[in-house]
Every structure is written in C-alpha cells, then in structure tokens.
Amino acid sequence: MAPPVAGFGPTDEAVGRSQLTPERLTRVRAIIFALTLFVWLVVWIYHSLGPTPAREAAFLTKLRGVGILTWIYALVQMLDMRFYNSRFSQRRRASMRIPDSLLGWLFGQMVAWFGIVYYGFTQDLRWYIAGLVILLLSFVAFPIRRPYTAAPPDER
C-alpha cells in the first residue's frame, strides 16, 4: 500500500465538521430541482420531435411494477427519516455523514426521476407530475437546518 500524499484528503479539522453548510445545501436543493426539470424538458423535446414506437404491454406492466416498488421504498424511507428514525435510518445517517434534509430530497428526486423514465417510455405525464409534487413536498418536509450555535455565557 502506498503512503498517503500530503495535502490530499480531508484534514483532521474537516473530518469533524460537515462540508455541507446551509448555504451549500440551498444551492444543492436548487440544483436538484433544476436538474429534474431540465432532464424532463430534454425528454419532452425528444418526444415532440416525432412519434415514438409503441412498447409491449408486458414491458409497461413490469415498468409500472418497478415504479410502485420505487415509490413504496422512497416514501417509506422518507417517512422513517422524518417521523420514526429507526435504527436503519440512524445507521444510514452515521455511515453517510450527510444531512437528513439532503437524503430526503434525494428520495424525492428518485420518485420524480422514475416519472421521467416512465414518461420517456410511455408519454404518460401522471407519474412525473406526481413525482414532482413529492419532490416539492420533500423540500418542505426536510427543511435546511441551521447549525446550533450556543450563545456565550454571560460573564458576571
């Protein structure tokens, strides 16, 4: 194994504190939303250029099954993170070391992006619109938490 190179990797000070400050989280949330809208726009433009081939009914049934499983997984994880905080969500939080708000937004994005994939294959907007609503609700359900700073004690 090669020795570590000086100057690369996290420092001891950076390991203790999060790199995702509230200001950066605001930008990340905007990027998640903008990417979701942009990718949908690309797929919409692709479909508006001409007709797309019809898909087999068996494929669409399997795709809907994957969609239902995706929605169930994402919504259960979001509810668990927001209200229940099971040992699984605590373990995920400890291992990933990213804020719960970002995880909640990514689960919401997962649902919206499945809607984009489904729209890409079927030209059915319902899954995307519902996924976009879930994404926007995840922004409300998982707000950006400001770090707690204790006021200095009064010296009397």
N, C-alpha and C. Protein backbone atom coordinates (compact mmCIF):
# COMPACT_ATOMS: atom_id res chain seq x y z
N MET A 1 0.84 -1.18 0.00
CA MET A 1 0.00 0.00 0.00
C MET A 1 0.89 1.24 0.00
N ALA A 2 0.53 2.20 -0.80
CA ALA A 2 1.32 3.42 -0.93
C ALA A 2 1.05 4.34 0.26
N PRO A 3 2.06 5.09 0.68
CA PRO A 3 1.84 6.03 1.79
C PRO A 3 0.95 7.17 1.32
N PRO A 4 0.23 7.80 2.25
CA PRO A 4 -0.64 8.91 1.86
C PRO A 4 0.17 10.11 1.36
N VAL A 5 -0.41 10.83 0.43
CA VAL A 5 0.22 12.01 -0.13
C VAL A 5 -0.21 13.21 0.71
N ALA A 6 0.77 14.01 1.11
CA ALA A 6 0.48 15.18 1.94
C ALA A 6 -0.33 16.19 1.14
N GLY A 7 -1.34 16.75 1.77
CA GLY A 7 -2.14 17.79 1.14
C GLY A 7 -3.40 17.29 0.47
N PHE A 8 -3.56 15.97 0.36
CA PHE A 8 -4.76 15.42 -0.25
C PHE A 8 -5.61 14.74 0.82
N GLY A 9 -6.90 14.74 0.59
CA GLY A 9 -7.80 14.10 1.54
C GLY A 9 -8.23 15.06 2.62
N PRO A 10 -9.15 14.62 3.44
CA PRO A 10 -9.66 15.51 4.49
C PRO A 10 -8.65 15.68 5.61
N THR A 11 -8.65 16.86 6.16
CA THR A 11 -7.80 17.12 7.31
C THR A 11 -8.53 16.69 8.57
N ASP A 12 -7.83 16.66 9.68
CA ASP A 12 -8.45 16.27 10.94
C ASP A 12 -9.56 17.23 11.31
N GLU A 13 -9.38 18.52 10.98
CA GLU A 13 -10.42 19.50 11.32
C GLU A 13 -11.66 19.31 10.45
N ALA A 14 -11.45 18.98 9.15
CA ALA A 14 -12.58 18.84 8.24
C ALA A 14 -13.39 17.58 8.51
N VAL A 15 -12.77 16.55 9.07
CA VAL A 15 -13.50 15.32 9.36
C VAL A 15 -14.55 15.57 10.42
N GLY A 16 -14.28 16.44 11.35
CA GLY A 16 -15.20 16.70 12.45
C GLY A 16 -16.40 17.55 12.07
N ARG A 17 -16.29 18.34 11.03
CA ARG A 17 -17.41 19.21 10.67
C ARG A 17 -17.90 18.90 9.27
N SER A 18 -19.11 19.19 9.01
CA SER A 18 -19.73 18.88 7.72
C SER A 18 -19.33 19.91 6.68
N GLN A 19 -19.10 19.45 5.47
CA GLN A 19 -18.78 20.35 4.36
C GLN A 19 -20.05 20.96 3.77
N LEU A 20 -21.22 20.40 4.12
CA LEU A 20 -22.48 20.89 3.58
C LEU A 20 -23.08 21.92 4.52
N THR A 21 -22.69 23.15 4.33
CA THR A 21 -23.22 24.24 5.14
C THR A 21 -24.63 24.56 4.66
N PRO A 22 -25.41 25.29 5.45
CA PRO A 22 -26.76 25.65 5.00
C PRO A 22 -26.77 26.40 3.67
N GLU A 23 -25.77 27.23 3.42
CA GLU A 23 -25.71 27.95 2.14
C GLU A 23 -25.48 26.97 0.98
N ARG A 24 -24.62 25.99 1.19
CA ARG A 24 -24.38 24.99 0.15
C ARG A 24 -25.60 24.09 -0.04
N LEU A 25 -26.29 23.79 1.03
CA LEU A 25 -27.50 22.96 0.92
C LEU A 25 -28.57 23.68 0.11
N THR A 26 -28.65 25.00 0.23
CA THR A 26 -29.60 25.77 -0.56
C THR A 26 -29.28 25.63 -2.04
N ARG A 27 -27.99 25.69 -2.38
CA ARG A 27 -27.58 25.51 -3.77
C ARG A 27 -27.85 24.09 -4.25
N VAL A 28 -27.58 23.12 -3.41
CA VAL A 28 -27.82 21.72 -3.78
C VAL A 28 -29.30 21.48 -4.05
N ARG A 29 -30.16 22.05 -3.21
CA ARG A 29 -31.60 21.90 -3.42
C ARG A 29 -32.02 22.52 -4.75
N ALA A 30 -31.49 23.68 -5.08
CA ALA A 30 -31.81 24.32 -6.35
C ALA A 30 -31.29 23.49 -7.52
N ILE A 31 -30.11 22.90 -7.38
CA ILE A 31 -29.54 22.07 -8.45
C ILE A 31 -30.39 20.82 -8.65
N ILE A 32 -30.83 20.19 -7.56
CA ILE A 32 -31.68 19.00 -7.68
C ILE A 32 -32.95 19.34 -8.43
N PHE A 33 -33.59 20.44 -8.08
CA PHE A 33 -34.83 20.83 -8.73
C PHE A 33 -34.59 21.20 -10.19
N ALA A 34 -33.53 21.96 -10.47
CA ALA A 34 -33.24 22.37 -11.83
C ALA A 34 -32.89 21.17 -12.71
N LEU A 35 -32.12 20.23 -12.19
CA LEU A 35 -31.79 19.03 -12.97
C LEU A 35 -33.03 18.21 -13.29
N THR A 36 -33.92 18.11 -12.33
CA THR A 36 -35.16 17.35 -12.55
C THR A 36 -35.98 18.00 -13.66
N LEU A 37 -36.12 19.31 -13.63
CA LEU A 37 -36.87 19.99 -14.68
C LEU A 37 -36.15 19.92 -16.02
N PHE A 38 -34.82 20.04 -16.02
CA PHE A 38 -34.06 20.02 -17.26
C PHE A 38 -34.13 18.65 -17.95
N VAL A 39 -33.95 17.59 -17.19
CA VAL A 39 -33.99 16.25 -17.78
C VAL A 39 -35.38 15.98 -18.33
N TRP A 40 -36.44 16.40 -17.61
CA TRP A 40 -37.78 16.22 -18.14
C TRP A 40 -37.95 17.02 -19.43
N LEU A 41 -37.41 18.22 -19.49
CA LEU A 41 -37.51 19.05 -20.69
C LEU A 41 -36.82 18.37 -21.88
N VAL A 42 -35.67 17.77 -21.64
CA VAL A 42 -34.96 17.05 -22.71
C VAL A 42 -35.82 15.90 -23.22
N VAL A 43 -36.41 15.13 -22.33
CA VAL A 43 -37.26 14.01 -22.75
C VAL A 43 -38.50 14.52 -23.46
N TRP A 44 -39.07 15.60 -22.99
CA TRP A 44 -40.26 16.18 -23.63
C TRP A 44 -39.93 16.65 -25.04
N ILE A 45 -38.77 17.30 -25.22
CA ILE A 45 -38.37 17.76 -26.56
C ILE A 45 -38.14 16.56 -27.47
N TYR A 46 -37.54 15.50 -26.94
CA TYR A 46 -37.33 14.29 -27.74
C TYR A 46 -38.67 13.74 -28.24
N HIS A 47 -39.66 13.72 -27.37
CA HIS A 47 -40.97 13.20 -27.77
C HIS A 47 -41.70 14.14 -28.71
N SER A 48 -41.43 15.42 -28.63
CA SER A 48 -42.14 16.36 -29.51
C SER A 48 -41.55 16.38 -30.91
N LEU A 49 -40.37 15.80 -31.11
CA LEU A 49 -39.76 15.80 -32.44
C LEU A 49 -40.42 14.82 -33.40
N GLY A 50 -41.01 13.79 -32.87
CA GLY A 50 -41.65 12.83 -33.75
C GLY A 50 -42.26 11.69 -32.96
N PRO A 51 -42.94 10.79 -33.66
CA PRO A 51 -43.59 9.67 -32.96
C PRO A 51 -42.55 8.69 -32.42
N THR A 52 -42.90 8.08 -31.33
CA THR A 52 -42.03 7.06 -30.73
C THR A 52 -42.70 5.70 -30.91
N PRO A 53 -41.90 4.66 -30.97
CA PRO A 53 -42.50 3.33 -31.16
C PRO A 53 -43.29 2.91 -29.93
N ALA A 54 -44.34 2.13 -30.18
CA ALA A 54 -45.17 1.63 -29.08
C ALA A 54 -44.41 0.53 -28.34
N ARG A 55 -44.59 0.47 -27.05
CA ARG A 55 -43.93 -0.54 -26.22
C ARG A 55 -44.87 -1.71 -25.99
N GLU A 56 -44.28 -2.86 -25.69
CA GLU A 56 -45.07 -4.04 -25.39
C GLU A 56 -45.79 -3.86 -24.06
N ALA A 57 -46.95 -4.48 -23.95
CA ALA A 57 -47.74 -4.37 -22.72
C ALA A 57 -47.02 -5.02 -21.55
N ALA A 58 -46.31 -6.12 -21.79
CA ALA A 58 -45.58 -6.79 -20.70
C ALA A 58 -44.48 -5.90 -20.15
N PHE A 59 -43.79 -5.18 -21.05
CA PHE A 59 -42.74 -4.27 -20.60
C PHE A 59 -43.32 -3.15 -19.74
N LEU A 60 -44.43 -2.58 -20.17
CA LEU A 60 -45.05 -1.50 -19.42
C LEU A 60 -45.56 -1.98 -18.06
N THR A 61 -46.07 -3.21 -18.01
CA THR A 61 -46.52 -3.76 -16.74
C THR A 61 -45.35 -3.92 -15.78
N LYS A 62 -44.22 -4.41 -16.28
CA LYS A 62 -43.03 -4.55 -15.44
C LYS A 62 -42.50 -3.18 -15.00
N LEU A 63 -42.56 -2.21 -15.91
CA LEU A 63 -42.10 -0.86 -15.58
C LEU A 63 -42.98 -0.24 -14.50
N ARG A 64 -44.28 -0.46 -14.58
CA ARG A 64 -45.17 0.04 -13.52
C ARG A 64 -44.88 -0.64 -12.20
N GLY A 65 -44.57 -1.94 -12.23
CA GLY A 65 -44.20 -2.66 -11.01
C GLY A 65 -42.95 -2.09 -10.38
N VAL A 66 -41.95 -1.80 -11.21
CA VAL A 66 -40.73 -1.17 -10.69
C VAL A 66 -41.06 0.21 -10.11
N GLY A 67 -41.96 0.93 -10.76
CA GLY A 67 -42.36 2.24 -10.27
C GLY A 67 -43.06 2.17 -8.92
N ILE A 68 -43.93 1.20 -8.77
CA ILE A 68 -44.63 1.05 -7.49
C ILE A 68 -43.63 0.71 -6.39
N LEU A 69 -42.69 -0.18 -6.69
CA LEU A 69 -41.67 -0.52 -5.69
C LEU A 69 -40.79 0.67 -5.37
N THR A 70 -40.44 1.45 -6.37
CA THR A 70 -39.63 2.66 -6.15
C THR A 70 -40.36 3.64 -5.26
N TRP A 71 -41.64 3.87 -5.55
CA TRP A 71 -42.43 4.79 -4.75
C TRP A 71 -42.55 4.30 -3.32
N ILE A 72 -42.86 3.02 -3.14
CA ILE A 72 -43.01 2.48 -1.78
C ILE A 72 -41.70 2.64 -1.01
N TYR A 73 -40.60 2.25 -1.63
CA TYR A 73 -39.30 2.36 -0.95
C TYR A 73 -39.00 3.80 -0.57
N ALA A 74 -39.13 4.72 -1.51
CA ALA A 74 -38.79 6.12 -1.24
C ALA A 74 -39.71 6.72 -0.18
N LEU A 75 -41.00 6.48 -0.29
CA LEU A 75 -41.93 7.08 0.69
C LEU A 75 -41.75 6.48 2.08
N VAL A 76 -41.50 5.18 2.17
CA VAL A 76 -41.26 4.57 3.48
C VAL A 76 -39.98 5.13 4.10
N GLN A 77 -38.93 5.28 3.29
CA GLN A 77 -37.68 5.83 3.82
C GLN A 77 -37.86 7.29 4.25
N MET A 78 -38.62 8.06 3.47
CA MET A 78 -38.84 9.46 3.84
C MET A 78 -39.65 9.56 5.13
N LEU A 79 -40.69 8.74 5.26
CA LEU A 79 -41.48 8.75 6.49
C LEU A 79 -40.65 8.30 7.68
N ASP A 80 -39.81 7.30 7.47
CA ASP A 80 -38.94 6.81 8.53
C ASP A 80 -37.97 7.90 8.98
N MET A 81 -37.36 8.60 8.02
CA MET A 81 -36.40 9.64 8.38
C MET A 81 -37.08 10.82 9.06
N ARG A 82 -38.29 11.14 8.64
CA ARG A 82 -38.96 12.33 9.16
C ARG A 82 -39.62 12.10 10.52
N PHE A 83 -40.24 10.92 10.71
CA PHE A 83 -41.04 10.73 11.90
C PHE A 83 -40.52 9.63 12.83
N TYR A 84 -40.08 8.52 12.29
CA TYR A 84 -39.82 7.35 13.12
C TYR A 84 -38.36 7.24 13.57
N ASN A 85 -37.41 7.53 12.70
CA ASN A 85 -35.98 7.41 12.99
C ASN A 85 -35.60 6.03 13.50
N SER A 86 -35.83 5.02 12.68
CA SER A 86 -35.49 3.65 13.06
C SER A 86 -33.99 3.48 13.10
N ARG A 87 -33.56 2.32 13.54
CA ARG A 87 -32.12 2.07 13.62
C ARG A 87 -31.50 2.02 12.23
N PHE A 88 -32.30 1.67 11.20
CA PHE A 88 -31.77 1.65 9.84
C PHE A 88 -31.46 3.07 9.36
N SER A 89 -32.35 4.01 9.63
CA SER A 89 -32.08 5.39 9.22
C SER A 89 -30.96 6.00 10.05
N GLN A 90 -30.87 5.62 11.31
CA GLN A 90 -29.76 6.12 12.15
C GLN A 90 -28.43 5.57 11.65
N ARG A 91 -28.42 4.29 11.26
CA ARG A 91 -27.19 3.68 10.74
C ARG A 91 -26.80 4.33 9.42
N ARG A 92 -27.79 4.59 8.54
CA ARG A 92 -27.50 5.24 7.27
C ARG A 92 -26.96 6.65 7.50
N ARG A 93 -27.55 7.37 8.42
CA ARG A 93 -27.10 8.73 8.72
C ARG A 93 -25.66 8.73 9.23
N ALA A 94 -25.34 7.76 10.09
CA ALA A 94 -23.99 7.70 10.65
C ALA A 94 -22.96 7.28 9.60
N SER A 95 -23.34 6.38 8.71
CA SER A 95 -22.37 5.91 7.73
C SER A 95 -22.16 6.89 6.58
N MET A 96 -23.19 7.61 6.20
CA MET A 96 -23.07 8.51 5.05
C MET A 96 -22.60 9.90 5.44
N ARG A 97 -22.88 10.32 6.64
CA ARG A 97 -22.49 11.63 7.16
C ARG A 97 -22.94 12.78 6.25
N ILE A 98 -24.17 12.68 5.73
CA ILE A 98 -24.77 13.81 5.04
C ILE A 98 -26.07 14.14 5.75
N PRO A 99 -26.52 15.38 5.66
CA PRO A 99 -27.71 15.79 6.40
C PRO A 99 -28.97 15.03 5.97
N ASP A 100 -29.89 14.87 6.92
CA ASP A 100 -31.16 14.21 6.62
C ASP A 100 -31.93 14.95 5.54
N SER A 101 -31.82 16.27 5.53
CA SER A 101 -32.56 17.03 4.52
C SER A 101 -32.11 16.62 3.12
N LEU A 102 -30.82 16.46 2.91
CA LEU A 102 -30.33 16.07 1.59
C LEU A 102 -30.79 14.66 1.23
N LEU A 103 -30.77 13.75 2.19
CA LEU A 103 -31.25 12.39 1.93
C LEU A 103 -32.74 12.40 1.56
N GLY A 104 -33.53 13.19 2.28
CA GLY A 104 -34.95 13.29 1.96
C GLY A 104 -35.19 13.85 0.57
N TRP A 105 -34.41 14.86 0.19
CA TRP A 105 -34.55 15.43 -1.15
C TRP A 105 -34.17 14.41 -2.22
N LEU A 106 -33.13 13.62 -1.95
CA LEU A 106 -32.70 12.62 -2.94
C LEU A 106 -33.75 11.51 -3.10
N PHE A 107 -34.42 11.14 -2.01
CA PHE A 107 -35.51 10.18 -2.14
C PHE A 107 -36.66 10.78 -2.94
N GLY A 108 -36.95 12.06 -2.72
CA GLY A 108 -37.97 12.73 -3.52
C GLY A 108 -37.57 12.83 -4.98
N GLN A 109 -36.29 13.07 -5.23
CA GLN A 109 -35.80 13.13 -6.61
C GLN A 109 -35.89 11.76 -7.27
N MET A 110 -35.67 10.71 -6.51
CA MET A 110 -35.75 9.36 -7.06
C MET A 110 -37.15 9.10 -7.61
N VAL A 111 -38.16 9.53 -6.89
CA VAL A 111 -39.54 9.33 -7.35
C VAL A 111 -39.80 10.17 -8.60
N ALA A 112 -39.34 11.41 -8.62
CA ALA A 112 -39.56 12.27 -9.79
C ALA A 112 -38.82 11.74 -11.01
N TRP A 113 -37.62 11.23 -10.82
CA TRP A 113 -36.85 10.73 -11.96
C TRP A 113 -37.43 9.43 -12.49
N PHE A 114 -38.06 8.63 -11.64
CA PHE A 114 -38.77 7.48 -12.20
C PHE A 114 -39.90 7.96 -13.10
N GLY A 115 -40.57 9.04 -12.69
CA GLY A 115 -41.62 9.60 -13.53
C GLY A 115 -41.08 10.06 -14.88
N ILE A 116 -39.85 10.57 -14.90
CA ILE A 116 -39.24 10.98 -16.16
C ILE A 116 -38.97 9.75 -17.03
N VAL A 117 -38.45 8.70 -16.43
CA VAL A 117 -38.18 7.47 -17.18
C VAL A 117 -39.48 6.90 -17.72
N TYR A 118 -40.51 6.88 -16.89
CA TYR A 118 -41.80 6.35 -17.33
C TYR A 118 -42.37 7.20 -18.47
N TYR A 119 -42.25 8.51 -18.34
CA TYR A 119 -42.70 9.40 -19.42
C TYR A 119 -41.90 9.15 -20.69
N GLY A 120 -40.61 8.89 -20.54
CA GLY A 120 -39.78 8.63 -21.71
C GLY A 120 -40.23 7.41 -22.48
N PHE A 121 -40.74 6.40 -21.79
CA PHE A 121 -41.19 5.20 -22.47
C PHE A 121 -42.65 5.24 -22.90
N THR A 122 -43.49 5.98 -22.20
CA THR A 122 -44.92 5.89 -22.45
C THR A 122 -45.60 7.20 -22.84
N GLN A 123 -44.97 8.33 -22.66
CA GLN A 123 -45.56 9.66 -22.85
C GLN A 123 -46.74 9.89 -21.92
N ASP A 124 -46.70 9.28 -20.76
CA ASP A 124 -47.73 9.45 -19.73
C ASP A 124 -47.14 10.34 -18.64
N LEU A 125 -47.68 11.54 -18.48
CA LEU A 125 -47.13 12.53 -17.55
C LEU A 125 -47.54 12.31 -16.09
N ARG A 126 -48.49 11.46 -15.82
CA ARG A 126 -49.03 11.36 -14.46
C ARG A 126 -47.97 11.00 -13.43
N TRP A 127 -47.10 10.03 -13.74
CA TRP A 127 -46.09 9.62 -12.77
C TRP A 127 -45.08 10.75 -12.53
N TYR A 128 -44.75 11.49 -13.58
CA TYR A 128 -43.80 12.60 -13.42
C TYR A 128 -44.40 13.72 -12.59
N ILE A 129 -45.63 14.10 -12.89
CA ILE A 129 -46.28 15.19 -12.15
C ILE A 129 -46.38 14.81 -10.66
N ALA A 130 -46.81 13.58 -10.40
CA ALA A 130 -46.91 13.12 -9.00
C ALA A 130 -45.53 13.09 -8.35
N GLY A 131 -44.52 12.65 -9.08
CA GLY A 131 -43.16 12.62 -8.53
C GLY A 131 -42.63 14.02 -8.27
N LEU A 132 -42.96 14.96 -9.15
CA LEU A 132 -42.53 16.34 -8.94
C LEU A 132 -43.21 16.94 -7.71
N VAL A 133 -44.47 16.59 -7.49
CA VAL A 133 -45.16 17.05 -6.28
C VAL A 133 -44.49 16.47 -5.03
N ILE A 134 -44.12 15.18 -5.08
CA ILE A 134 -43.44 14.56 -3.95
C ILE A 134 -42.08 15.23 -3.71
N LEU A 135 -41.37 15.55 -4.80
CA LEU A 135 -40.08 16.25 -4.66
C LEU A 135 -40.26 17.60 -3.99
N LEU A 136 -41.26 18.35 -4.42
CA LEU A 136 -41.51 19.66 -3.80
C LEU A 136 -41.95 19.51 -2.34
N LEU A 137 -42.74 18.47 -2.05
CA LEU A 137 -43.12 18.23 -0.66
C LEU A 137 -41.92 17.81 0.19
N SER A 138 -40.95 17.13 -0.43
CA SER A 138 -39.75 16.76 0.33
C SER A 138 -38.94 18.00 0.70
N PHE A 139 -39.00 19.05 -0.13
CA PHE A 139 -38.33 20.30 0.22
C PHE A 139 -38.97 20.93 1.46
N VAL A 140 -40.28 20.75 1.60
CA VAL A 140 -40.98 21.30 2.76
C VAL A 140 -40.78 20.40 3.99
N ALA A 141 -40.85 19.09 3.78
CA ALA A 141 -40.75 18.15 4.90
C ALA A 141 -39.35 18.08 5.47
N PHE A 142 -38.33 18.34 4.64
CA PHE A 142 -36.95 18.28 5.10
C PHE A 142 -36.29 19.64 4.90
N PRO A 143 -36.58 20.58 5.80
CA PRO A 143 -36.02 21.93 5.63
C PRO A 143 -34.52 21.93 5.95
N ILE A 144 -33.87 22.98 5.53
CA ILE A 144 -32.45 23.15 5.83
C ILE A 144 -32.35 23.59 7.29
N ARG A 145 -31.65 22.81 8.05
CA ARG A 145 -31.47 23.13 9.47
C ARG A 145 -30.23 24.00 9.64
N ARG A 146 -30.40 25.07 10.32
CA ARG A 146 -29.26 25.93 10.65
C ARG A 146 -28.48 25.28 11.79
N PRO A 147 -27.17 25.35 11.75
CA PRO A 147 -26.41 24.74 12.84
C PRO A 147 -26.67 25.48 14.15
N TYR A 148 -26.73 24.72 15.22
CA TYR A 148 -27.00 25.30 16.53
C TYR A 148 -25.72 25.94 17.04
N THR A 149 -25.83 27.20 17.37
CA THR A 149 -24.69 27.89 17.97
C THR A 149 -25.14 28.41 19.33
N ALA A 150 -24.49 27.94 20.33
CA ALA A 150 -24.85 28.36 21.69
C ALA A 150 -24.34 29.76 21.93
N ALA A 151 -25.15 30.53 22.56
CA ALA A 151 -24.74 31.89 22.91
C ALA A 151 -23.70 31.81 24.01
N PRO A 152 -22.71 32.67 23.96
CA PRO A 152 -21.71 32.64 25.02
C PRO A 152 -22.33 32.98 26.36
N PRO A 153 -21.89 32.30 27.41
CA PRO A 153 -22.48 32.58 28.73
C PRO A 153 -22.13 33.98 29.19
N ASP A 154 -23.07 34.56 29.93
CA ASP A 154 -22.82 35.88 30.49
C ASP A 154 -21.76 35.77 31.58
N GLU A 155 -20.79 36.66 31.48
CA GLU A 155 -19.74 36.68 32.50
C GLU A 155 -20.07 37.78 33.49
N ARG A 156 -20.52 37.39 34.62
CA ARG A 156 -20.89 38.39 35.63
C ARG A 156 -20.01 38.25 36.82
